Amino acid sequence: MDEILHQLEDLLIGSIPTVIIFVFLVAAYRVLLYGPLTRMLAERRERTQGAVEKAAAAIAAADAKSQEYEARLRAARAEIFRHREQLIQQWNAERDGALASARLTAHERVSAAETALKAQAVEAKKQIEGSTEQLAAQILQAILPPGVAPVESAR
């Protein structure tokens, strides 16, 4: 048993440099690789998360702008339609005024033409009445033989 303890003691003493090297390598790994690697991963995660948050904020801002532009577009369309309706009403009023004016002018012309026709009819009637005696005399001369004198009518 002594020999086993002696061999164990030799093994333990021989493993001390390996343990020291192992501890040194673990410490070096922690200092040289693990620490910077965890810092870089944390920074990367922070940047990625920040980029995602910025993208979400940009999307929200774009949505707000889009809604604002849509509201402005609706307002502009409503204004255009309102202006169009005003123009149509104005044109209709101008057309109605022009029609009324044309009707009035036509009515005045018809009235003037009726008055002129009535005046011409009265004048023609006077001419016909004035020429009836003359025509009657001419008819009597044409019908009666040449030596008979026509009888004057008493009016």
N, C-alpha and C. Protein backbone atom coordinates (compact mmCIF):
# COMPACT_ATOMS: atom_id res chain seq x y z
N MET A 1 0.80 -1.14 0.00
CA MET A 1 0.00 0.00 0.00
C MET A 1 0.88 1.24 0.00
N ASP A 2 1.96 1.07 0.56
CA ASP A 2 2.91 2.16 0.58
C ASP A 2 3.32 2.53 -0.83
N GLU A 3 3.41 1.55 -1.58
CA GLU A 3 3.83 1.77 -2.95
C GLU A 3 2.74 2.52 -3.72
N ILE A 4 1.54 2.22 -3.48
CA ILE A 4 0.41 2.89 -4.15
C ILE A 4 0.38 4.34 -3.70
N LEU A 5 0.60 4.56 -2.43
CA LEU A 5 0.61 5.95 -1.96
C LEU A 5 1.80 6.71 -2.56
N HIS A 6 2.88 6.02 -2.68
CA HIS A 6 4.05 6.66 -3.28
C HIS A 6 3.79 6.98 -4.75
N GLN A 7 3.13 6.11 -5.46
CA GLN A 7 2.83 6.35 -6.87
C GLN A 7 1.82 7.48 -6.98
N LEU A 8 0.90 7.50 -6.09
CA LEU A 8 -0.09 8.58 -6.10
C LEU A 8 0.57 9.94 -5.83
N GLU A 9 1.52 9.89 -4.91
CA GLU A 9 2.24 11.11 -4.60
C GLU A 9 3.02 11.58 -5.81
N ASP A 10 3.65 10.67 -6.52
CA ASP A 10 4.38 11.04 -7.74
C ASP A 10 3.42 11.59 -8.81
N LEU A 11 2.28 10.95 -8.91
CA LEU A 11 1.29 11.41 -9.90
C LEU A 11 0.77 12.81 -9.54
N LEU A 12 0.54 13.00 -8.27
CA LEU A 12 0.03 14.29 -7.82
C LEU A 12 1.07 15.38 -8.05
N ILE A 13 2.29 15.08 -7.75
CA ILE A 13 3.35 16.07 -7.95
C ILE A 13 3.55 16.31 -9.44
N GLY A 14 3.43 15.27 -10.23
CA GLY A 14 3.60 15.42 -11.68
C GLY A 14 2.43 16.16 -12.31
N SER A 15 1.25 16.14 -11.70
CA SER A 15 0.08 16.80 -12.27
C SER A 15 -0.01 18.27 -11.89
N ILE A 16 0.80 18.72 -10.93
CA ILE A 16 0.78 20.12 -10.50
C ILE A 16 1.10 21.06 -11.67
N PRO A 17 2.16 20.78 -12.46
CA PRO A 17 2.38 21.70 -13.59
C PRO A 17 1.20 21.69 -14.57
N THR A 18 0.54 20.55 -14.77
CA THR A 18 -0.61 20.47 -15.67
C THR A 18 -1.78 21.29 -15.13
N VAL A 19 -1.99 21.21 -13.81
CA VAL A 19 -3.08 21.97 -13.18
C VAL A 19 -2.78 23.46 -13.29
N ILE A 20 -1.52 23.83 -13.06
CA ILE A 20 -1.13 25.25 -13.16
C ILE A 20 -1.34 25.74 -14.59
N ILE A 21 -0.91 24.92 -15.55
CA ILE A 21 -1.08 25.32 -16.96
C ILE A 21 -2.58 25.41 -17.29
N PHE A 22 -3.37 24.46 -16.76
CA PHE A 22 -4.80 24.47 -17.01
C PHE A 22 -5.45 25.73 -16.44
N VAL A 23 -5.10 26.06 -15.19
CA VAL A 23 -5.65 27.26 -14.55
C VAL A 23 -5.20 28.50 -15.31
N PHE A 24 -3.92 28.52 -15.73
CA PHE A 24 -3.42 29.64 -16.51
C PHE A 24 -4.17 29.77 -17.83
N LEU A 25 -4.43 28.65 -18.52
CA LEU A 25 -5.15 28.67 -19.79
C LEU A 25 -6.60 29.13 -19.60
N VAL A 26 -7.25 28.68 -18.53
CA VAL A 26 -8.62 29.10 -18.25
C VAL A 26 -8.65 30.60 -17.98
N ALA A 27 -7.67 31.09 -17.19
CA ALA A 27 -7.62 32.53 -16.90
C ALA A 27 -7.34 33.32 -18.17
N ALA A 28 -6.40 32.81 -18.99
CA ALA A 28 -6.08 33.48 -20.25
C ALA A 28 -7.30 33.47 -21.17
N TYR A 29 -8.03 32.33 -21.21
CA TYR A 29 -9.23 32.23 -22.04
C TYR A 29 -10.26 33.25 -21.59
N ARG A 30 -10.44 33.37 -20.29
CA ARG A 30 -11.41 34.34 -19.75
C ARG A 30 -11.02 35.76 -20.12
N VAL A 31 -9.76 36.07 -19.97
CA VAL A 31 -9.30 37.45 -20.19
C VAL A 31 -9.22 37.76 -21.69
N LEU A 32 -8.65 36.85 -22.48
CA LEU A 32 -8.38 37.14 -23.88
C LEU A 32 -9.56 36.87 -24.81
N LEU A 33 -10.36 35.83 -24.57
CA LEU A 33 -11.43 35.47 -25.49
C LEU A 33 -12.83 35.70 -24.94
N TYR A 34 -13.12 35.12 -23.80
CA TYR A 34 -14.48 35.13 -23.29
C TYR A 34 -14.98 36.53 -22.97
N GLY A 35 -14.18 37.35 -22.31
CA GLY A 35 -14.57 38.72 -21.94
C GLY A 35 -14.86 39.57 -23.17
N PRO A 36 -13.88 39.68 -24.11
CA PRO A 36 -14.15 40.49 -25.30
C PRO A 36 -15.30 39.92 -26.14
N LEU A 37 -15.40 38.58 -26.20
CA LEU A 37 -16.46 37.96 -26.98
C LEU A 37 -17.83 38.29 -26.40
N THR A 38 -17.98 38.21 -25.09
CA THR A 38 -19.27 38.54 -24.46
C THR A 38 -19.59 40.02 -24.61
N ARG A 39 -18.56 40.89 -24.52
CA ARG A 39 -18.79 42.32 -24.72
C ARG A 39 -19.23 42.59 -26.15
N MET A 40 -18.58 41.95 -27.14
CA MET A 40 -18.93 42.16 -28.53
C MET A 40 -20.34 41.63 -28.82
N LEU A 41 -20.70 40.49 -28.26
CA LEU A 41 -22.05 39.96 -28.46
C LEU A 41 -23.10 40.86 -27.83
N ALA A 42 -22.78 41.39 -26.65
CA ALA A 42 -23.72 42.31 -25.99
C ALA A 42 -23.88 43.58 -26.82
N GLU A 43 -22.77 44.09 -27.33
CA GLU A 43 -22.82 45.29 -28.16
C GLU A 43 -23.61 45.02 -29.44
N ARG A 44 -23.39 43.86 -30.04
CA ARG A 44 -24.10 43.48 -31.26
C ARG A 44 -25.61 43.36 -30.99
N ARG A 45 -25.93 42.74 -29.88
CA ARG A 45 -27.34 42.60 -29.51
C ARG A 45 -27.96 43.98 -29.30
N GLU A 46 -27.20 44.86 -28.65
CA GLU A 46 -27.68 46.22 -28.41
C GLU A 46 -27.90 46.96 -29.72
N ARG A 47 -26.94 46.84 -30.62
CA ARG A 47 -27.08 47.49 -31.93
C ARG A 47 -28.26 46.92 -32.71
N THR A 48 -28.40 45.62 -32.70
CA THR A 48 -29.50 44.98 -33.41
C THR A 48 -30.83 45.41 -32.83
N GLN A 49 -30.91 45.39 -31.50
CA GLN A 49 -32.14 45.81 -30.85
C GLN A 49 -32.42 47.28 -31.14
N GLY A 50 -31.38 48.09 -31.11
CA GLY A 50 -31.53 49.51 -31.43
C GLY A 50 -31.99 49.71 -32.87
N ALA A 51 -31.43 48.93 -33.78
CA ALA A 51 -31.82 49.03 -35.19
C ALA A 51 -33.28 48.62 -35.36
N VAL A 52 -33.68 47.58 -34.64
CA VAL A 52 -35.08 47.13 -34.71
C VAL A 52 -36.00 48.22 -34.17
N GLU A 53 -35.62 48.83 -33.05
CA GLU A 53 -36.43 49.89 -32.47
C GLU A 53 -36.48 51.10 -33.41
N LYS A 54 -35.33 51.43 -34.01
CA LYS A 54 -35.31 52.54 -34.96
C LYS A 54 -36.19 52.24 -36.17
N ALA A 55 -36.13 51.00 -36.65
CA ALA A 55 -36.96 50.61 -37.79
C ALA A 55 -38.44 50.69 -37.43
N ALA A 56 -38.78 50.24 -36.23
CA ALA A 56 -40.17 50.33 -35.79
C ALA A 56 -40.61 51.79 -35.69
N ALA A 57 -39.73 52.64 -35.17
CA ALA A 57 -40.05 54.06 -35.07
C ALA A 57 -40.20 54.67 -36.47
N ALA A 58 -39.32 54.28 -37.39
CA ALA A 58 -39.42 54.79 -38.76
C ALA A 58 -40.71 54.34 -39.43
N ILE A 59 -41.10 53.09 -39.18
CA ILE A 59 -42.36 52.59 -39.75
C ILE A 59 -43.55 53.35 -39.17
N ALA A 60 -43.52 53.59 -37.88
CA ALA A 60 -44.60 54.35 -37.24
C ALA A 60 -44.66 55.77 -37.80
N ALA A 61 -43.49 56.40 -37.98
CA ALA A 61 -43.46 57.76 -38.54
C ALA A 61 -43.98 57.75 -39.97
N ALA A 62 -43.59 56.74 -40.75
CA ALA A 62 -44.07 56.64 -42.13
C ALA A 62 -45.59 56.44 -42.17
N ASP A 63 -46.11 55.64 -41.26
CA ASP A 63 -47.56 55.45 -41.19
C ASP A 63 -48.26 56.76 -40.85
N ALA A 64 -47.70 57.50 -39.90
CA ALA A 64 -48.29 58.79 -39.52
C ALA A 64 -48.27 59.75 -40.70
N LYS A 65 -47.14 59.80 -41.41
CA LYS A 65 -47.05 60.67 -42.59
C LYS A 65 -48.05 60.25 -43.64
N SER A 66 -48.16 58.94 -43.86
CA SER A 66 -49.09 58.41 -44.85
C SER A 66 -50.52 58.82 -44.51
N GLN A 67 -50.88 58.70 -43.25
CA GLN A 67 -52.23 59.10 -42.83
C GLN A 67 -52.43 60.59 -43.00
N GLU A 68 -51.39 61.37 -42.71
CA GLU A 68 -51.47 62.82 -42.88
C GLU A 68 -51.66 63.17 -44.35
N TYR A 69 -50.88 62.52 -45.22
CA TYR A 69 -51.00 62.78 -46.66
C TYR A 69 -52.38 62.36 -47.17
N GLU A 70 -52.90 61.24 -46.68
CA GLU A 70 -54.23 60.80 -47.09
C GLU A 70 -55.29 61.81 -46.65
N ALA A 71 -55.14 62.33 -45.45
CA ALA A 71 -56.09 63.33 -44.95
C ALA A 71 -56.02 64.59 -45.81
N ARG A 72 -54.80 65.02 -46.13
CA ARG A 72 -54.65 66.20 -47.00
C ARG A 72 -55.24 65.94 -48.38
N LEU A 73 -55.03 64.74 -48.89
CA LEU A 73 -55.55 64.39 -50.21
C LEU A 73 -57.08 64.40 -50.19
N ARG A 74 -57.67 63.85 -49.13
CA ARG A 74 -59.14 63.87 -49.02
C ARG A 74 -59.64 65.31 -48.95
N ALA A 75 -58.95 66.15 -48.17
CA ALA A 75 -59.36 67.55 -48.05
C ALA A 75 -59.24 68.26 -49.39
N ALA A 76 -58.15 68.00 -50.12
CA ALA A 76 -57.96 68.63 -51.43
C ALA A 76 -59.03 68.17 -52.41
N ARG A 77 -59.36 66.90 -52.39
CA ARG A 77 -60.42 66.40 -53.28
C ARG A 77 -61.75 67.04 -52.92
N ALA A 78 -62.03 67.15 -51.64
CA ALA A 78 -63.29 67.78 -51.22
C ALA A 78 -63.33 69.23 -51.68
N GLU A 79 -62.22 69.93 -51.56
CA GLU A 79 -62.15 71.32 -52.02
C GLU A 79 -62.36 71.42 -53.53
N ILE A 80 -61.76 70.50 -54.27
CA ILE A 80 -61.92 70.50 -55.73
C ILE A 80 -63.38 70.25 -56.08
N PHE A 81 -64.02 69.28 -55.43
CA PHE A 81 -65.42 69.00 -55.71
C PHE A 81 -66.31 70.19 -55.34
N ARG A 82 -66.00 70.83 -54.21
CA ARG A 82 -66.77 72.00 -53.79
C ARG A 82 -66.61 73.13 -54.81
N HIS A 83 -65.39 73.36 -55.27
CA HIS A 83 -65.14 74.40 -56.28
C HIS A 83 -65.86 74.06 -57.58
N ARG A 84 -65.82 72.80 -57.95
CA ARG A 84 -66.49 72.34 -59.19
C ARG A 84 -67.99 72.59 -59.09
N GLU A 85 -68.58 72.28 -57.95
CA GLU A 85 -70.01 72.51 -57.76
C GLU A 85 -70.34 73.99 -57.84
N GLN A 86 -69.48 74.83 -57.27
CA GLN A 86 -69.69 76.27 -57.35
C GLN A 86 -69.65 76.74 -58.80
N LEU A 87 -68.67 76.22 -59.57
CA LEU A 87 -68.58 76.60 -60.98
C LEU A 87 -69.82 76.15 -61.74
N ILE A 88 -70.28 74.94 -61.47
CA ILE A 88 -71.48 74.44 -62.16
C ILE A 88 -72.68 75.31 -61.81
N GLN A 89 -72.82 75.67 -60.54
CA GLN A 89 -73.93 76.53 -60.13
C GLN A 89 -73.81 77.90 -60.80
N GLN A 90 -72.60 78.42 -60.88
CA GLN A 90 -72.38 79.72 -61.53
C GLN A 90 -72.74 79.63 -63.00
N TRP A 91 -72.28 78.57 -63.68
CA TRP A 91 -72.59 78.41 -65.11
C TRP A 91 -74.09 78.23 -65.33
N ASN A 92 -74.73 77.48 -64.43
CA ASN A 92 -76.17 77.31 -64.56
C ASN A 92 -76.89 78.64 -64.38
N ALA A 93 -76.45 79.44 -63.42
CA ALA A 93 -77.05 80.75 -63.20
C ALA A 93 -76.85 81.65 -64.42
N GLU A 94 -75.64 81.63 -64.99
CA GLU A 94 -75.37 82.43 -66.19
C GLU A 94 -76.23 81.96 -67.35
N ARG A 95 -76.35 80.63 -67.50
CA ARG A 95 -77.18 80.08 -68.58
C ARG A 95 -78.64 80.48 -68.39
N ASP A 96 -79.13 80.37 -67.14
CA ASP A 96 -80.52 80.75 -66.87
C ASP A 96 -80.73 82.24 -67.14
N GLY A 97 -79.76 83.06 -66.77
CA GLY A 97 -79.85 84.50 -67.05
C GLY A 97 -79.87 84.77 -68.55
N ALA A 98 -79.01 84.08 -69.27
CA ALA A 98 -78.97 84.27 -70.73
C ALA A 98 -80.27 83.81 -71.36
N LEU A 99 -80.82 82.69 -70.88
CA LEU A 99 -82.10 82.21 -71.41
C LEU A 99 -83.22 83.19 -71.10
N ALA A 100 -83.23 83.71 -69.89
CA ALA A 100 -84.26 84.69 -69.52
C ALA A 100 -84.14 85.94 -70.39
N SER A 101 -82.91 86.38 -70.60
CA SER A 101 -82.68 87.56 -71.44
C SER A 101 -83.13 87.29 -72.87
N ALA A 102 -82.80 86.10 -73.39
CA ALA A 102 -83.21 85.75 -74.75
C ALA A 102 -84.72 85.64 -74.86
N ARG A 103 -85.37 85.08 -73.84
CA ARG A 103 -86.83 85.00 -73.84
C ARG A 103 -87.46 86.38 -73.81
N LEU A 104 -86.91 87.26 -72.98
CA LEU A 104 -87.42 88.62 -72.90
C LEU A 104 -87.27 89.34 -74.23
N THR A 105 -86.09 89.19 -74.84
CA THR A 105 -85.85 89.82 -76.14
C THR A 105 -86.79 89.26 -77.19
N ALA A 106 -86.97 87.93 -77.20
CA ALA A 106 -87.87 87.30 -78.16
C ALA A 106 -89.30 87.77 -77.93
N HIS A 107 -89.72 87.87 -76.66
CA HIS A 107 -91.06 88.35 -76.35
C HIS A 107 -91.25 89.79 -76.82
N GLU A 108 -90.23 90.61 -76.60
CA GLU A 108 -90.31 92.01 -77.06
C GLU A 108 -90.41 92.07 -78.58
N ARG A 109 -89.62 91.23 -79.27
CA ARG A 109 -89.67 91.21 -80.73
C ARG A 109 -91.04 90.73 -81.22
N VAL A 110 -91.58 89.70 -80.56
CA VAL A 110 -92.90 89.19 -80.95
C VAL A 110 -93.95 90.27 -80.73
N SER A 111 -93.87 90.96 -79.58
CA SER A 111 -94.82 92.05 -79.30
C SER A 111 -94.70 93.15 -80.33
N ALA A 112 -93.47 93.52 -80.66
CA ALA A 112 -93.25 94.57 -81.67
C ALA A 112 -93.78 94.12 -83.02
N ALA A 113 -93.54 92.85 -83.37
CA ALA A 113 -94.02 92.34 -84.65
C ALA A 113 -95.55 92.29 -84.66
N GLU A 114 -96.18 91.90 -83.54
CA GLU A 114 -97.64 91.89 -83.47
C GLU A 114 -98.19 93.30 -83.63
N THR A 115 -97.57 94.26 -82.95
CA THR A 115 -98.01 95.66 -83.06
C THR A 115 -97.86 96.15 -84.50
N ALA A 116 -96.73 95.80 -85.12
CA ALA A 116 -96.52 96.23 -86.51
C ALA A 116 -97.54 95.56 -87.43
N LEU A 117 -97.83 94.27 -87.21
CA LEU A 117 -98.82 93.58 -88.03
C LEU A 117 -100.21 94.19 -87.85
N LYS A 118 -100.55 94.50 -86.60
CA LYS A 118 -101.86 95.12 -86.35
C LYS A 118 -101.93 96.47 -87.05
N ALA A 119 -100.84 97.23 -86.99
CA ALA A 119 -100.82 98.54 -87.65
C ALA A 119 -100.94 98.37 -89.16
N GLN A 120 -100.24 97.38 -89.70
CA GLN A 120 -100.32 97.12 -91.14
C GLN A 120 -101.72 96.66 -91.53
N ALA A 121 -102.33 95.82 -90.64
CA ALA A 121 -103.69 95.36 -90.93
C ALA A 121 -104.66 96.53 -90.94
N VAL A 122 -104.54 97.42 -89.97
CA VAL A 122 -105.40 98.62 -89.93
C VAL A 122 -105.17 99.47 -91.17
N GLU A 123 -103.91 99.65 -91.56
CA GLU A 123 -103.58 100.45 -92.74
C GLU A 123 -104.13 99.78 -94.01
N ALA A 124 -103.97 98.46 -94.08
CA ALA A 124 -104.49 97.74 -95.26
C ALA A 124 -106.01 97.83 -95.30
N LYS A 125 -106.68 97.74 -94.15
CA LYS A 125 -108.13 97.85 -94.08
C LYS A 125 -108.58 99.23 -94.55
N LYS A 126 -107.84 100.26 -94.12
CA LYS A 126 -108.17 101.62 -94.56
C LYS A 126 -107.99 101.75 -96.07
N GLN A 127 -106.91 101.17 -96.57
CA GLN A 127 -106.67 101.24 -98.02
C GLN A 127 -107.77 100.50 -98.78
N ILE A 128 -108.15 99.33 -98.25
CA ILE A 128 -109.20 98.56 -98.91
C ILE A 128 -110.52 99.31 -98.85
N GLU A 129 -110.85 99.89 -97.70
CA GLU A 129 -112.09 100.66 -97.58
C GLU A 129 -112.05 101.89 -98.49
N GLY A 130 -110.90 102.48 -98.60
CA GLY A 130 -110.78 103.66 -99.45
C GLY A 130 -110.87 103.31 -100.93
N SER A 131 -110.41 102.16 -101.29
CA SER A 131 -110.42 101.78 -102.70
C SER A 131 -111.67 100.99 -103.08
N THR A 132 -112.57 100.69 -102.14
CA THR A 132 -113.78 99.94 -102.48
C THR A 132 -114.71 100.73 -103.40
N GLU A 133 -114.87 102.00 -103.19
CA GLU A 133 -115.74 102.82 -104.04
C GLU A 133 -115.18 102.90 -105.44
N GLN A 134 -113.90 103.05 -105.49
CA GLN A 134 -113.25 103.12 -106.80
C GLN A 134 -113.39 101.79 -107.53
N LEU A 135 -113.20 100.69 -106.85
CA LEU A 135 -113.35 99.36 -107.44
C LEU A 135 -114.80 99.11 -107.85
N ALA A 136 -115.72 99.51 -107.01
CA ALA A 136 -117.14 99.34 -107.34
C ALA A 136 -117.49 100.10 -108.61
N ALA A 137 -116.96 101.28 -108.73
CA ALA A 137 -117.22 102.09 -109.93
C ALA A 137 -116.62 101.41 -111.15
N GLN A 138 -115.45 100.89 -111.01
CA GLN A 138 -114.80 100.21 -112.13
C GLN A 138 -115.57 98.94 -112.51
N ILE A 139 -116.07 98.23 -111.52
CA ILE A 139 -116.86 97.02 -111.79
C ILE A 139 -118.15 97.39 -112.51
N LEU A 140 -118.83 98.43 -112.04
CA LEU A 140 -120.07 98.88 -112.67
C LEU A 140 -119.82 99.31 -114.12
N GLN A 141 -118.77 99.99 -114.38
CA GLN A 141 -118.45 100.40 -115.75
C GLN A 141 -118.18 99.20 -116.62
N ALA A 142 -117.56 98.21 -116.02
CA ALA A 142 -117.26 97.01 -116.80
C ALA A 142 -118.53 96.21 -117.06
N ILE A 143 -119.48 96.21 -116.13
CA ILE A 143 -120.69 95.40 -116.27
C ILE A 143 -121.78 96.14 -117.05
N LEU A 144 -122.00 97.39 -116.80
CA LEU A 144 -123.05 98.17 -117.43
C LEU A 144 -122.66 98.55 -118.85
N PRO A 145 -123.66 98.63 -119.70
CA PRO A 145 -123.33 99.07 -121.05
C PRO A 145 -122.82 100.51 -121.04
N PRO A 146 -122.13 100.92 -122.11
CA PRO A 146 -121.46 102.16 -122.11
C PRO A 146 -122.37 103.40 -122.01
N GLY A 147 -123.51 103.46 -122.16
CA GLY A 147 -124.27 104.70 -122.08
C GLY A 147 -125.02 104.85 -120.79
N VAL A 148 -125.04 103.91 -119.93
CA VAL A 148 -125.83 103.98 -118.69
C VAL A 148 -124.95 104.56 -117.59
N ALA A 149 -125.50 105.49 -116.88
CA ALA A 149 -124.74 106.12 -115.81
C ALA A 149 -125.01 105.41 -114.49
N PRO A 150 -124.01 105.17 -113.75
CA PRO A 150 -124.22 104.50 -112.47
C PRO A 150 -124.91 105.40 -111.47
N VAL A 151 -125.64 104.80 -110.55
CA VAL A 151 -126.37 105.54 -109.53
C VAL A 151 -125.47 105.69 -108.33
N GLU A 152 -125.47 106.92 -107.83
CA GLU A 152 -124.63 107.21 -106.67
C GLU A 152 -125.34 106.71 -105.42
N SER A 153 -124.65 106.02 -104.60
CA SER A 153 -125.28 105.54 -103.38
C SER A 153 -125.10 106.58 -102.29
N ALA A 154 -126.12 106.69 -101.51
CA ALA A 154 -126.07 107.66 -100.42
C ALA A 154 -125.61 106.94 -99.17
N ARG A 155 -124.61 107.40 -98.71
CA ARG A 155 -124.07 106.76 -97.53
C ARG A 155 -124.39 107.51 -96.32
